[in-house]
Amino acid sequence: MKKAVFITLLAFVIVSLSFFSVAHKVSLSLTQTGQNDQTEILKLESGTAVYSLFQQLENRGIYNNSLWLKMAIRLKPELSNIKAGTYEILPQMSLSALLDKLNKADEKQFLVTLVEGLTLAQWIAQLNRTPFLSSPLSDNDLTTWTKDNQIQGETLEGWLLADSYAVTYGTPVIDVIERAHVSMHKVLSELWLNRYPNLPYKSEYEALIMASIIEKETGVPKEREHIAGVFVNRLNANMRLQTDPTVIYGIGDAFDGNLTRKHLRTPTDYNTYVIKGLPPTPIAMTSQASLIAAFNPMITEDFYFVAKGDGTHYFSSTLEQHNRAVREYQLGIKE
């Protein structure tokens, strides 16, 4: 009887040791660290089975594809719920950490930076050639989207907020456009509600147009509010804005980089040397900083400014002061 009990206990111990040995090996198979010494990109296609993934990772020399992995998946079937997408495999990343990332669809984020001061056409060209975005937009696509969304001004010019946007691989271009538009609409609405009193804008859209002009005229960020103050003064005094970037925008693709007197005298809807008030649409995409300046201009007596050649401007309150500054900074004549 004692012998039978001993044999039973011995068998139990052997089975237990075997179980713990197997469990340990299964655990080790999942905690193995990657052999990659730099970040690797994994593109997982829809419908990829977890065993195919293991084989792919072994072929790339990142993880060992052992028999214990198959047992691990049988013991933890939830690990096989991997999702298609583009992922980063960091150096020394454990296989369990990677599987957790694939289960949560924690995809790699790519950054799209839309730079202030550029035009809609320049942004669309940039987005269409961005390799990690999909579904480039044609002119017809953009026109249709603009009409469908009843964009004021009938153009998206100015309606997209200059910023950086995180996207996953294969994000359609139109998705970036929509996000940038929503961001702009949100910022513009908030600023309009908290705007400085007695501004010469009849609507949010007019403020957006002003912000685009400030964006193009500003070479040094600290001058944004001062430039805004000058333009607000001119609008309030019923003076022409006389800003070169609007003229250049009106010339369009025909502009060769040389702004002439003839250009300044030639009427277009955007030539603020000829028309009074604001042009009909924004002339560029704007940053939040320029929007803030448009809604919160500096209180100043200045009506003029001239470029000094170093990115900054000389501001004047009278035409006489301005003409003197033009002679000094533009013509090199010091009095």
C-alpha atoms as a PDB file:
ATOM      1  CA  MET A   1       0.000   0.000   0.000  1.00  0.00           C
ATOM      2  CA  LYS A   2       2.793   2.394   0.927  1.00  0.00           C
ATOM      3  CA  LYS A   3       4.554   1.549  -2.313  1.00  0.00           C
ATOM      4  CA  ALA A   4       1.463   2.437  -4.364  1.00  0.00           C
ATOM      5  CA  VAL A   5       1.110   5.767  -2.587  1.00  0.00           C
ATOM      6  CA  PHE A   6       4.770   6.541  -3.190  1.00  0.00           C
ATOM      7  CA  ILE A   7       4.461   5.725  -6.865  1.00  0.00           C
ATOM      8  CA  THR A   8       1.373   7.927  -7.137  1.00  0.00           C
ATOM      9  CA  LEU A   9       3.117  10.833  -5.435  1.00  0.00           C
ATOM     10  CA  LEU A  10       6.171  10.369  -7.611  1.00  0.00           C
ATOM     11  CA  ALA A  11       4.037  10.397 -10.726  1.00  0.00           C
ATOM     12  CA  PHE A  12       2.286  13.561  -9.518  1.00  0.00           C
ATOM     13  CA  VAL A  13       5.616  15.265  -8.900  1.00  0.00           C
ATOM     14  CA  ILE A  14       6.918  14.270 -12.327  1.00  0.00           C
ATOM     15  CA  VAL A  15       3.772  15.522 -14.024  1.00  0.00           C
ATOM     16  CA  SER A  16       3.887  18.759 -12.039  1.00  0.00           C
ATOM     17  CA  LEU A  17       7.528  19.326 -12.881  1.00  0.00           C
ATOM     18  CA  SER A  18       6.797  18.610 -16.516  1.00  0.00           C
ATOM     19  CA  PHE A  19       3.887  21.039 -16.462  1.00  0.00           C
ATOM     20  CA  PHE A  20       5.930  23.805 -14.879  1.00  0.00           C
ATOM     21  CA  SER A  21       8.784  23.101 -17.297  1.00  0.00           C
ATOM     22  CA  VAL A  22       6.423  23.429 -20.256  1.00  0.00           C
ATOM     23  CA  ALA A  23       4.813  26.539 -18.801  1.00  0.00           C
ATOM     24  CA  HIS A  24       8.242  28.045 -18.264  1.00  0.00           C
ATOM     25  CA  LYS A  25       9.298  27.340 -21.832  1.00  0.00           C
ATOM     26  CA  VAL A  26       6.022  28.754 -23.142  1.00  0.00           C
ATOM     27  CA  SER A  27       6.563  31.878 -21.067  1.00  0.00           C
ATOM     28  CA  LEU A  28      10.139  32.232 -22.298  1.00  0.00           C
ATOM     29  CA  SER A  29       8.991  31.940 -25.910  1.00  0.00           C
ATOM     30  CA  LEU A  30       6.746  34.984 -25.410  1.00  0.00           C
ATOM     31  CA  THR A  31       9.227  37.042 -23.431  1.00  0.00           C
ATOM     32  CA  GLN A  32      12.080  36.585 -25.903  1.00  0.00           C
ATOM     33  CA  THR A  33      13.485  39.936 -26.968  1.00  0.00           C
ATOM     34  CA  GLY A  34      13.968  41.034 -30.537  1.00  0.00           C
ATOM     35  CA  GLN A  35      17.331  40.614 -32.190  1.00  0.00           C
ATOM     36  CA  ASN A  36      16.976  43.902 -34.109  1.00  0.00           C
ATOM     37  CA  ASP A  37      19.385  46.682 -33.094  1.00  0.00           C
ATOM     38  CA  GLN A  38      17.256  49.387 -34.731  1.00  0.00           C
ATOM     39  CA  THR A  39      13.556  50.050 -35.099  1.00  0.00           C
ATOM     40  CA  GLU A  40      11.894  47.800 -37.677  1.00  0.00           C
ATOM     41  CA  ILE A  41       8.640  48.491 -39.514  1.00  0.00           C
ATOM     42  CA  LEU A  42       6.087  45.696 -39.680  1.00  0.00           C
ATOM     43  CA  LYS A  43       3.270  45.948 -42.227  1.00  0.00           C
ATOM     44  CA  LEU A  44       0.598  43.457 -41.298  1.00  0.00           C
ATOM     45  CA  GLU A  45      -1.878  42.656 -44.044  1.00  0.00           C
ATOM     46  CA  SER A  46      -5.540  41.983 -43.324  1.00  0.00           C
ATOM     47  CA  GLY A  47      -6.210  38.286 -42.683  1.00  0.00           C
ATOM     48  CA  THR A  48      -2.655  37.419 -41.640  1.00  0.00           C
ATOM     49  CA  ALA A  49      -2.671  34.451 -39.234  1.00  0.00           C
ATOM     50  CA  VAL A  50      -0.554  34.647 -36.107  1.00  0.00           C
ATOM     51  CA  TYR A  51       1.506  31.617 -37.165  1.00  0.00           C
ATOM     52  CA  SER A  52       2.295  33.329 -40.477  1.00  0.00           C
ATOM     53  CA  LEU A  53       3.376  36.368 -38.481  1.00  0.00           C
ATOM     54  CA  PHE A  54       5.747  34.241 -36.396  1.00  0.00           C
ATOM     55  CA  GLN A  55       7.270  32.769 -39.558  1.00  0.00           C
ATOM     56  CA  GLN A  56       7.683  36.234 -41.061  1.00  0.00           C
ATOM     57  CA  LEU A  57       9.408  37.510 -37.928  1.00  0.00           C
ATOM     58  CA  GLU A  58      11.735  34.490 -37.885  1.00  0.00           C
ATOM     59  CA  ASN A  59      12.608  34.971 -41.558  1.00  0.00           C
ATOM     60  CA  ARG A  60      13.579  38.547 -40.758  1.00  0.00           C
ATOM     61  CA  GLY A  61      15.796  37.326 -37.919  1.00  0.00           C
ATOM     62  CA  ILE A  62      13.902  39.254 -35.233  1.00  0.00           C
ATOM     63  CA  TYR A  63      12.364  36.451 -33.133  1.00  0.00           C
ATOM     64  CA  ASN A  64      12.786  32.664 -32.952  1.00  0.00           C
ATOM     65  CA  ASN A  65       9.743  30.743 -34.145  1.00  0.00           C
ATOM     66  CA  SER A  66       9.687  27.765 -31.756  1.00  0.00           C
ATOM     67  CA  LEU A  67       7.171  25.012 -31.163  1.00  0.00           C
ATOM     68  CA  TRP A  68       6.482  26.593 -27.785  1.00  0.00           C
ATOM     69  CA  LEU A  69       4.942  29.600 -29.515  1.00  0.00           C
ATOM     70  CA  LYS A  70       2.230  27.430 -31.021  1.00  0.00           C
ATOM     71  CA  MET A  71       1.486  26.050 -27.590  1.00  0.00           C
ATOM     72  CA  ALA A  72       1.443  29.571 -26.191  1.00  0.00           C
ATOM     73  CA  ILE A  73      -1.236  30.588 -28.695  1.00  0.00           C
ATOM     74  CA  ARG A  74      -3.294  27.508 -27.804  1.00  0.00           C
ATOM     75  CA  LEU A  75      -3.036  28.340 -24.124  1.00  0.00           C
ATOM     76  CA  LYS A  76      -3.707  32.050 -24.737  1.00  0.00           C
ATOM     77  CA  PRO A  77      -5.889  32.241 -27.869  1.00  0.00           C
ATOM     78  CA  GLU A  78      -6.539  35.948 -27.259  1.00  0.00           C
ATOM     79  CA  LEU A  79      -2.955  36.614 -28.428  1.00  0.00           C
ATOM     80  CA  SER A  80      -3.917  35.559 -31.956  1.00  0.00           C
ATOM     81  CA  ASN A  81      -6.340  38.489 -32.324  1.00  0.00           C
ATOM     82  CA  ILE A  82      -3.791  40.535 -34.284  1.00  0.00           C
ATOM     83  CA  LYS A  83      -5.004  43.473 -36.390  1.00  0.00           C
ATOM     84  CA  ALA A  84      -3.826  44.715 -39.757  1.00  0.00           C
ATOM     85  CA  GLY A  85      -1.760  47.881 -39.834  1.00  0.00           C
ATOM     86  CA  THR A  86       1.740  49.318 -39.765  1.00  0.00           C
ATOM     87  CA  TYR A  87       3.693  48.866 -36.551  1.00  0.00           C
ATOM     88  CA  GLU A  88       7.085  49.632 -35.044  1.00  0.00           C
ATOM     89  CA  ILE A  89       9.220  46.855 -33.568  1.00  0.00           C
ATOM     90  CA  LEU A  90      11.550  48.653 -31.183  1.00  0.00           C
ATOM     91  CA  PRO A  91      15.045  47.305 -30.404  1.00  0.00           C
ATOM     92  CA  GLN A  92      14.952  44.610 -27.685  1.00  0.00           C
ATOM     93  CA  MET A  93      11.151  44.618 -27.678  1.00  0.00           C
ATOM     94  CA  SER A  94       9.674  41.435 -26.213  1.00  0.00           C
ATOM     95  CA  LEU A  95       7.433  39.321 -28.408  1.00  0.00           C
ATOM     96  CA  SER A  96       4.633  39.597 -25.837  1.00  0.00           C
ATOM     97  CA  ALA A  97       4.868  43.414 -26.000  1.00  0.00           C
ATOM     98  CA  LEU A  98       4.654  43.282 -29.799  1.00  0.00           C
ATOM     99  CA  LEU A  99       1.631  40.960 -29.697  1.00  0.00           C
ATOM    100  CA  ASP A 100      -0.022  43.297 -27.201  1.00  0.00           C
ATOM    101  CA  LYS A 101       0.572  46.188 -29.622  1.00  0.00           C
ATOM    102  CA  LEU A 102      -0.892  44.187 -32.529  1.00  0.00           C
ATOM    103  CA  ASN A 103      -3.929  43.218 -30.444  1.00  0.00           C
ATOM    104  CA  LYS A 104      -4.612  46.856 -29.521  1.00  0.00           C
ATOM    105  CA  ALA A 105      -3.970  48.087 -33.099  1.00  0.00           C
ATOM    106  CA  ASP A 106      -1.397  50.479 -31.633  1.00  0.00           C
ATOM    107  CA  GLU A 107      -0.078  51.510 -35.043  1.00  0.00           C
ATOM    108  CA  LYS A 108       2.928  53.651 -35.830  1.00  0.00           C
ATOM    109  CA  GLN A 109       2.057  57.316 -36.089  1.00  0.00           C
ATOM    110  CA  PHE A 110       3.427  59.368 -38.979  1.00  0.00           C
ATOM    111  CA  LEU A 111       3.582  63.149 -38.697  1.00  0.00           C
ATOM    112  CA  VAL A 112       2.176  65.410 -41.416  1.00  0.00           C
ATOM    113  CA  THR A 113       3.347  69.008 -40.962  1.00  0.00           C
ATOM    114  CA  LEU A 114       1.380  71.673 -42.813  1.00  0.00           C
ATOM    115  CA  VAL A 115       3.486  74.830 -42.855  1.00  0.00           C
ATOM    116  CA  GLU A 116       1.894  78.238 -42.417  1.00  0.00           C
ATOM    117  CA  GLY A 117       2.175  80.788 -45.206  1.00  0.00           C
ATOM    118  CA  LEU A 118       1.807  78.285 -48.044  1.00  0.00           C
ATOM    119  CA  THR A 119      -1.228  78.166 -50.315  1.00  0.00           C
ATOM    120  CA  LEU A 120      -3.889  75.502 -50.684  1.00  0.00           C
ATOM    121  CA  ALA A 121      -2.376  74.359 -53.986  1.00  0.00           C
ATOM    122  CA  GLN A 122       1.036  73.930 -52.338  1.00  0.00           C
ATOM    123  CA  TRP A 123      -0.459  71.946 -49.472  1.00  0.00           C
ATOM    124  CA  ILE A 124      -2.419  69.628 -51.769  1.00  0.00           C
ATOM    125  CA  ALA A 125       0.721  68.989 -53.831  1.00  0.00           C
ATOM    126  CA  GLN A 126       2.637  68.157 -50.639  1.00  0.00           C
ATOM    127  CA  LEU A 127      -0.056  65.815 -49.321  1.00  0.00           C
ATOM    128  CA  ASN A 128      -0.479  64.048 -52.664  1.00  0.00           C
ATOM    129  CA  ARG A 129       3.210  63.129 -52.780  1.00  0.00           C
ATOM    130  CA  THR A 130       3.499  62.093 -49.115  1.00  0.00           C
ATOM    131  CA  PRO A 131       4.393  58.369 -49.303  1.00  0.00           C
ATOM    132  CA  PHE A 132       2.513  57.200 -46.189  1.00  0.00           C
ATOM    133  CA  LEU A 133      -0.779  58.834 -47.279  1.00  0.00           C
ATOM    134  CA  SER A 134      -3.210  57.285 -49.759  1.00  0.00           C
ATOM    135  CA  SER A 135      -5.874  58.407 -52.250  1.00  0.00           C
ATOM    136  CA  PRO A 136      -4.331  61.603 -53.682  1.00  0.00           C
ATOM    137  CA  LEU A 137      -6.840  64.368 -54.396  1.00  0.00           C
ATOM    138  CA  SER A 138      -7.570  65.695 -57.855  1.00  0.00           C
ATOM    139  CA  ASP A 139      -8.831  69.226 -58.473  1.00  0.00           C
ATOM    140  CA  ASN A 140     -12.300  67.791 -59.088  1.00  0.00           C
ATOM    141  CA  ASP A 141     -12.205  65.861 -55.807  1.00  0.00           C
ATOM    142  CA  LEU A 142     -11.299  69.029 -53.933  1.00  0.00           C
ATOM    143  CA  THR A 143     -13.966  71.093 -55.673  1.00  0.00           C
ATOM    144  CA  THR A 144     -16.625  68.498 -54.902  1.00  0.00           C
ATOM    145  CA  TRP A 145     -15.621  68.296 -51.227  1.00  0.00           C
ATOM    146  CA  THR A 146     -15.637  72.093 -50.954  1.00  0.00           C
ATOM    147  CA  LYS A 147     -19.141  72.326 -52.439  1.00  0.00           C
ATOM    148  CA  ASP A 148     -20.501  69.421 -50.412  1.00  0.00           C
ATOM    149  CA  ASN A 149     -19.283  71.031 -47.199  1.00  0.00           C
ATOM    150  CA  GLN A 150     -20.528  74.500 -48.183  1.00  0.00           C
ATOM    151  CA  ILE A 151     -17.200  76.164 -47.478  1.00  0.00           C
ATOM    152  CA  GLN A 152     -17.526  79.948 -47.199  1.00  0.00           C
ATOM    153  CA  GLY A 153     -15.680  81.718 -49.997  1.00  0.00           C
ATOM    154  CA  GLU A 154     -16.094  78.606 -52.173  1.00  0.00           C
ATOM    155  CA  THR A 155     -12.438  77.749 -51.652  1.00  0.00           C
ATOM    156  CA  LEU A 156     -10.508  75.937 -48.939  1.00  0.00           C
ATOM    157  CA  GLU A 157      -7.809  78.588 -49.088  1.00  0.00           C
ATOM    158  CA  GLY A 158      -7.162  79.628 -45.495  1.00  0.00           C
ATOM    159  CA  TRP A 159      -9.684  77.170 -44.078  1.00  0.00           C
ATOM    160  CA  LEU A 160      -7.102  74.590 -42.957  1.00  0.00           C
ATOM    161  CA  LEU A 161      -5.101  75.160 -39.775  1.00  0.00           C
ATOM    162  CA  ALA A 162      -1.317  75.053 -40.158  1.00  0.00           C
ATOM    163  CA  ASP A 163      -0.158  72.435 -37.663  1.00  0.00           C
ATOM    164  CA  SER A 164       1.287  68.922 -37.359  1.00  0.00           C
ATOM    165  CA  TYR A 165      -1.125  65.994 -37.606  1.00  0.00           C
ATOM    166  CA  ALA A 166      -0.380  62.402 -36.543  1.00  0.00           C
ATOM    167  CA  VAL A 167      -1.745  59.762 -38.936  1.00  0.00           C
ATOM    168  CA  THR A 168      -1.409  56.044 -39.515  1.00  0.00           C
ATOM    169  CA  TYR A 169       0.012  54.501 -42.677  1.00  0.00           C
ATOM    170  CA  GLY A 170      -2.431  54.633 -45.590  1.00  0.00           C
ATOM    171  CA  THR A 171      -4.564  57.483 -44.239  1.00  0.00           C
ATOM    172  CA  PRO A 172      -6.403  59.117 -47.195  1.00  0.00           C
ATOM    173  CA  VAL A 173      -5.390  62.689 -48.023  1.00  0.00           C
ATOM    174  CA  ILE A 174      -8.964  63.872 -47.568  1.00  0.00           C
ATOM    175  CA  ASP A 175      -8.852  62.719 -43.927  1.00  0.00           C
ATOM    176  CA  VAL A 176      -5.975  65.128 -43.255  1.00  0.00           C
ATOM    177  CA  ILE A 177      -7.895  67.892 -45.015  1.00  0.00           C
ATOM    178  CA  GLU A 178     -10.958  67.228 -42.871  1.00  0.00           C
ATOM    179  CA  ARG A 179      -8.954  67.239 -39.629  1.00  0.00           C
ATOM    180  CA  ALA A 180      -7.186  70.484 -40.536  1.00  0.00           C
ATOM    181  CA  HIS A 181     -10.535  72.077 -41.425  1.00  0.00           C
ATOM    182  CA  VAL A 182     -12.174  70.973 -38.172  1.00  0.00           C
ATOM    183  CA  SER A 183      -9.181  72.333 -36.224  1.00  0.00           C
ATOM    184  CA  MET A 184      -9.399  75.668 -38.012  1.00  0.00           C
ATOM    185  CA  HIS A 185     -13.148  75.946 -37.491  1.00  0.00           C
ATOM    186  CA  LYS A 186     -12.762  75.218 -33.775  1.00  0.00           C
ATOM    187  CA  VAL A 187      -9.954  77.754 -33.231  1.00  0.00           C
ATOM    188  CA  LEU A 188     -11.668  80.416 -35.339  1.00  0.00           C
ATOM    189  CA  SER A 189     -14.979  80.066 -33.484  1.00  0.00           C
ATOM    190  CA  GLU A 190     -13.317  80.289 -30.064  1.00  0.00           C
ATOM    191  CA  LEU A 191     -11.316  83.368 -31.033  1.00  0.00           C
ATOM    192  CA  TRP A 192     -14.365  85.056 -32.520  1.00  0.00           C
ATOM    193  CA  LEU A 193     -16.255  84.656 -29.247  1.00  0.00           C
ATOM    194  CA  ASN A 194     -13.354  86.153 -27.272  1.00  0.00           C
ATOM    195  CA  ARG A 195     -12.197  88.768 -29.787  1.00  0.00           C
ATOM    196  CA  TYR A 196     -10.945  92.227 -28.984  1.00  0.00           C
ATOM    197  CA  PRO A 197     -13.849  94.748 -29.112  1.00  0.00           C
ATOM    198  CA  ASN A 198     -14.508  97.111 -32.010  1.00  0.00           C
ATOM    199  CA  LEU A 199     -12.573  95.187 -34.637  1.00  0.00           C
ATOM    200  CA  PRO A 200     -13.374  96.064 -38.277  1.00  0.00           C
ATOM    201  CA  TYR A 201     -14.457  92.507 -39.190  1.00  0.00           C
ATOM    202  CA  LYS A 202     -18.047  91.709 -40.058  1.00  0.00           C
ATOM    203  CA  SER A 203     -17.528  87.965 -39.715  1.00  0.00           C
ATOM    204  CA  GLU A 204     -15.136  85.205 -38.686  1.00  0.00           C
ATOM    205  CA  TYR A 205     -14.265  84.814 -42.366  1.00  0.00           C
ATOM    206  CA  GLU A 206     -13.040  88.403 -42.657  1.00  0.00           C
ATOM    207  CA  ALA A 207     -10.849  87.825 -39.615  1.00  0.00           C
ATOM    208  CA  LEU A 208      -9.500  84.684 -41.302  1.00  0.00           C
ATOM    209  CA  ILE A 209      -8.648  86.723 -44.408  1.00  0.00           C
ATOM    210  CA  MET A 210      -6.814  89.243 -42.237  1.00  0.00           C
ATOM    211  CA  ALA A 211      -4.916  86.452 -40.452  1.00  0.00           C
ATOM    212  CA  SER A 212      -3.683  85.124 -43.797  1.00  0.00           C
ATOM    213  CA  ILE A 213      -2.313  88.563 -44.714  1.00  0.00           C
ATOM    214  CA  ILE A 214      -0.603  88.860 -41.331  1.00  0.00           C
ATOM    215  CA  GLU A 215       0.908  85.411 -41.918  1.00  0.00           C
ATOM    216  CA  LYS A 216       2.424  86.453 -45.229  1.00  0.00           C
ATOM    217  CA  GLU A 217       3.696  89.807 -43.965  1.00  0.00           C
ATOM    218  CA  THR A 218       5.295  88.550 -40.762  1.00  0.00           C
ATOM    219  CA  GLY A 219       8.980  87.681 -40.847  1.00  0.00           C
ATOM    220  CA  VAL A 220       9.529  87.726 -37.088  1.00  0.00           C
ATOM    221  CA  PRO A 221       6.865  86.162 -34.837  1.00  0.00           C
ATOM    222  CA  LYS A 222       6.962  88.942 -32.247  1.00  0.00           C
ATOM    223  CA  GLU A 223       5.755  91.443 -34.884  1.00  0.00           C
ATOM    224  CA  ARG A 224       2.457  89.685 -35.634  1.00  0.00           C
ATOM    225  CA  GLU A 225       0.346  91.791 -33.264  1.00  0.00           C
ATOM    226  CA  HIS A 226       2.027  95.025 -34.413  1.00  0.00           C
ATOM    227  CA  ILE A 227       1.376  94.262 -38.081  1.00  0.00           C
ATOM    228  CA  ALA A 228      -2.207  93.349 -37.195  1.00  0.00           C
ATOM    229  CA  GLY A 229      -2.566  96.697 -35.424  1.00  0.00           C
ATOM    230  CA  VAL A 230      -1.372  98.587 -38.502  1.00  0.00           C
ATOM    231  CA  PHE A 231      -3.849  96.817 -40.797  1.00  0.00           C
ATOM    232  CA  VAL A 232      -6.713  97.323 -38.347  1.00  0.00           C
ATOM    233  CA  ASN A 233      -5.868 101.039 -38.196  1.00  0.00           C
ATOM    234  CA  ARG A 234      -5.917 101.262 -41.984  1.00  0.00           C
ATOM    235  CA  LEU A 235      -9.269  99.488 -42.258  1.00  0.00           C
ATOM    236  CA  ASN A 236     -10.774 101.714 -39.581  1.00  0.00           C
ATOM    237  CA  ALA A 237      -9.479 104.799 -41.396  1.00  0.00           C
ATOM    238  CA  ASN A 238     -10.885 103.528 -44.736  1.00  0.00           C
ATOM    239  CA  MET A 239      -7.354 103.392 -46.159  1.00  0.00           C
ATOM    240  CA  ARG A 240      -6.193 100.778 -48.659  1.00  0.00           C
ATOM    241  CA  LEU A 241      -4.188  97.970 -47.097  1.00  0.00           C
ATOM    242  CA  GLN A 242      -1.505  98.192 -49.813  1.00  0.00           C
ATOM    243  CA  THR A 243       0.095  94.862 -48.982  1.00  0.00           C
ATOM    244  CA  ASP A 244       2.285  93.148 -51.579  1.00  0.00           C
ATOM    245  CA  PRO A 245       1.359  89.509 -50.771  1.00  0.00           C
ATOM    246  CA  THR A 246      -2.245  90.112 -51.825  1.00  0.00           C
ATOM    247  CA  VAL A 247      -1.074  91.486 -55.171  1.00  0.00           C
ATOM    248  CA  ILE A 248       1.194  88.470 -55.692  1.00  0.00           C
ATOM    249  CA  TYR A 249      -1.650  86.083 -54.858  1.00  0.00           C
ATOM    250  CA  GLY A 250      -3.854  87.825 -57.414  1.00  0.00           C
ATOM    251  CA  ILE A 251      -1.200  87.419 -60.116  1.00  0.00           C
ATOM    252  CA  GLY A 252      -1.139  83.674 -59.446  1.00  0.00           C
ATOM    253  CA  ASP A 253       1.095  81.328 -61.420  1.00  0.00           C
ATOM    254  CA  ALA A 254       2.110  84.169 -63.754  1.00  0.00           C
ATOM    255  CA  PHE A 255       4.159  85.783 -60.986  1.00  0.00           C
ATOM    256  CA  ASP A 256       7.883  85.319 -61.695  1.00  0.00           C
ATOM    257  CA  GLY A 257       9.223  86.612 -58.396  1.00  0.00           C
ATOM    258  CA  ASN A 258       9.600  90.237 -59.504  1.00  0.00           C
ATOM    259  CA  LEU A 259       6.861  92.568 -58.266  1.00  0.00           C
ATOM    260  CA  THR A 260       6.703  95.635 -60.522  1.00  0.00           C
ATOM    261  CA  ARG A 261       4.927  99.003 -60.474  1.00  0.00           C
ATOM    262  CA  LYS A 262       2.739  97.704 -63.263  1.00  0.00           C
ATOM    263  CA  HIS A 263       1.619  94.856 -61.019  1.00  0.00           C
ATOM    264  CA  LEU A 264       0.713  97.320 -58.279  1.00  0.00           C
ATOM    265  CA  ARG A 265      -1.414  99.355 -60.722  1.00  0.00           C
ATOM    266  CA  THR A 266      -3.126  96.426 -62.451  1.00  0.00           C
ATOM    267  CA  PRO A 267      -6.604  95.825 -60.990  1.00  0.00           C
ATOM    268  CA  THR A 268      -7.424  92.376 -59.623  1.00  0.00           C
ATOM    269  CA  ASP A 269      -9.785  91.302 -56.876  1.00  0.00           C
ATOM    270  CA  TYR A 270      -6.728  90.854 -54.650  1.00  0.00           C
ATOM    271  CA  ASN A 271      -4.774  94.016 -55.459  1.00  0.00           C
ATOM    272  CA  THR A 272      -5.093  95.973 -52.219  1.00  0.00           C
ATOM    273  CA  TYR A 273      -3.262  98.892 -53.802  1.00  0.00           C
ATOM    274  CA  VAL A 274      -6.357  99.303 -55.981  1.00  0.00           C
ATOM    275  CA  ILE A 275      -9.263  97.966 -53.930  1.00  0.00           C
ATOM    276  CA  LYS A 276     -10.311  99.132 -50.498  1.00  0.00           C
ATOM    277  CA  GLY A 277     -10.861  96.723 -47.674  1.00  0.00           C
ATOM    278  CA  LEU A 278      -9.992  93.039 -47.581  1.00  0.00           C
ATOM    279  CA  PRO A 279      -9.545  90.759 -50.594  1.00  0.00           C
ATOM    280  CA  PRO A 280     -12.388  88.271 -51.231  1.00  0.00           C
ATOM    281  CA  THR A 281     -10.647  85.204 -49.754  1.00  0.00           C
ATOM    282  CA  PRO A 282      -7.620  84.353 -47.635  1.00  0.00           C
ATOM    283  CA  ILE A 283      -4.316  84.343 -49.510  1.00  0.00           C
ATOM    284  CA  ALA A 284      -2.555  81.582 -47.565  1.00  0.00           C
ATOM    285  CA  MET A 285      -2.900  79.007 -44.827  1.00  0.00           C
ATOM    286  CA  THR A 286      -2.439  80.440 -41.370  1.00  0.00           C
ATOM    287  CA  SER A 287      -1.088  79.432 -38.000  1.00  0.00           C
ATOM    288  CA  GLN A 288      -2.956  79.809 -34.742  1.00  0.00           C
ATOM    289  CA  ALA A 289      -0.497  82.593 -33.822  1.00  0.00           C
ATOM    290  CA  SER A 290      -1.579  84.731 -36.782  1.00  0.00           C
ATOM    291  CA  LEU A 291      -5.229  84.098 -35.984  1.00  0.00           C
ATOM    292  CA  ILE A 292      -4.648  85.265 -32.417  1.00  0.00           C
ATOM    293  CA  ALA A 293      -2.933  88.392 -33.728  1.00  0.00           C
ATOM    294  CA  ALA A 294      -5.862  89.171 -36.039  1.00  0.00           C
ATOM    295  CA  PHE A 295      -8.290  88.986 -33.117  1.00  0.00           C
ATOM    296  CA  ASN A 296      -5.965  90.706 -30.618  1.00  0.00           C
ATOM    297  CA  PRO A 297      -4.024  93.393 -32.532  1.00  0.00           C
ATOM    298  CA  MET A 298      -1.587  95.727 -30.842  1.00  0.00           C
ATOM    299  CA  ILE A 299      -3.047  99.091 -29.892  1.00  0.00           C
ATOM    300  CA  THR A 300      -0.834 101.414 -31.897  1.00  0.00           C
ATOM    301  CA  GLU A 301      -0.892 104.713 -33.749  1.00  0.00           C
ATOM    302  CA  ASP A 302       1.135 103.251 -36.619  1.00  0.00           C
ATOM    303  CA  PHE A 303      -0.295 103.099 -40.136  1.00  0.00           C
ATOM    304  CA  TYR A 304       2.805 102.021 -42.061  1.00  0.00           C
ATOM    305  CA  PHE A 305       5.687  99.566 -41.977  1.00  0.00           C
ATOM    306  CA  VAL A 306       8.606  98.800 -44.257  1.00  0.00           C
ATOM    307  CA  ALA A 307      10.935  95.803 -44.375  1.00  0.00           C
ATOM    308  CA  LYS A 308      14.390  96.483 -42.949  1.00  0.00           C
ATOM    309  CA  GLY A 309      16.055  93.623 -44.798  1.00  0.00           C
ATOM    310  CA  ASP A 310      16.660  91.410 -41.760  1.00  0.00           C
ATOM    311  CA  GLY A 311      13.154  89.984 -41.432  1.00  0.00           C
ATOM    312  CA  THR A 312      11.937  92.801 -39.186  1.00  0.00           C
ATOM    313  CA  HIS A 313      10.030  95.974 -40.060  1.00  0.00           C
ATOM    314  CA  TYR A 314      10.236  99.657 -39.268  1.00  0.00           C
ATOM    315  CA  PHE A 315       6.856 100.986 -38.164  1.00  0.00           C
ATOM    316  CA  SER A 316       5.668 104.587 -38.675  1.00  0.00           C
ATOM    317  CA  SER A 317       2.641 106.599 -37.649  1.00  0.00           C
ATOM    318  CA  THR A 318       2.903 109.231 -40.424  1.00  0.00           C
ATOM    319  CA  LEU A 319       3.490 109.118 -44.156  1.00  0.00           C
ATOM    320  CA  GLU A 320       6.493 111.407 -43.750  1.00  0.00           C
ATOM    321  CA  GLN A 321       8.139 108.982 -41.322  1.00  0.00           C
ATOM    322  CA  HIS A 322       7.299 106.084 -43.608  1.00  0.00           C
ATOM    323  CA  ASN A 323       8.804 107.724 -46.699  1.00  0.00           C
ATOM    324  CA  ARG A 324      11.965 108.439 -44.751  1.00  0.00           C
ATOM    325  CA  ALA A 325      12.126 104.794 -43.670  1.00  0.00           C
ATOM    326  CA  VAL A 326      11.593 103.625 -47.262  1.00  0.00           C
ATOM    327  CA  ARG A 327      14.512 105.773 -48.438  1.00  0.00           C
ATOM    328  CA  GLU A 328      16.731 104.375 -45.698  1.00  0.00           C
ATOM    329  CA  TYR A 329      15.817 100.692 -45.727  1.00  0.00           C
ATOM    330  CA  GLN A 330      14.748 100.189 -49.329  1.00  0.00           C
ATOM    331  CA  LEU A 331      16.912 102.673 -51.226  1.00  0.00           C
ATOM    332  CA  GLY A 332      19.865 102.857 -48.848  1.00  0.00           C
ATOM    333  CA  ILE A 333      19.645 106.649 -48.517  1.00  0.00           C
ATOM    334  CA  LYS A 334      20.287 107.844 -44.968  1.00  0.00           C
ATOM    335  CA  GLU A 335      19.331 111.393 -44.090  1.00  0.00           C
END
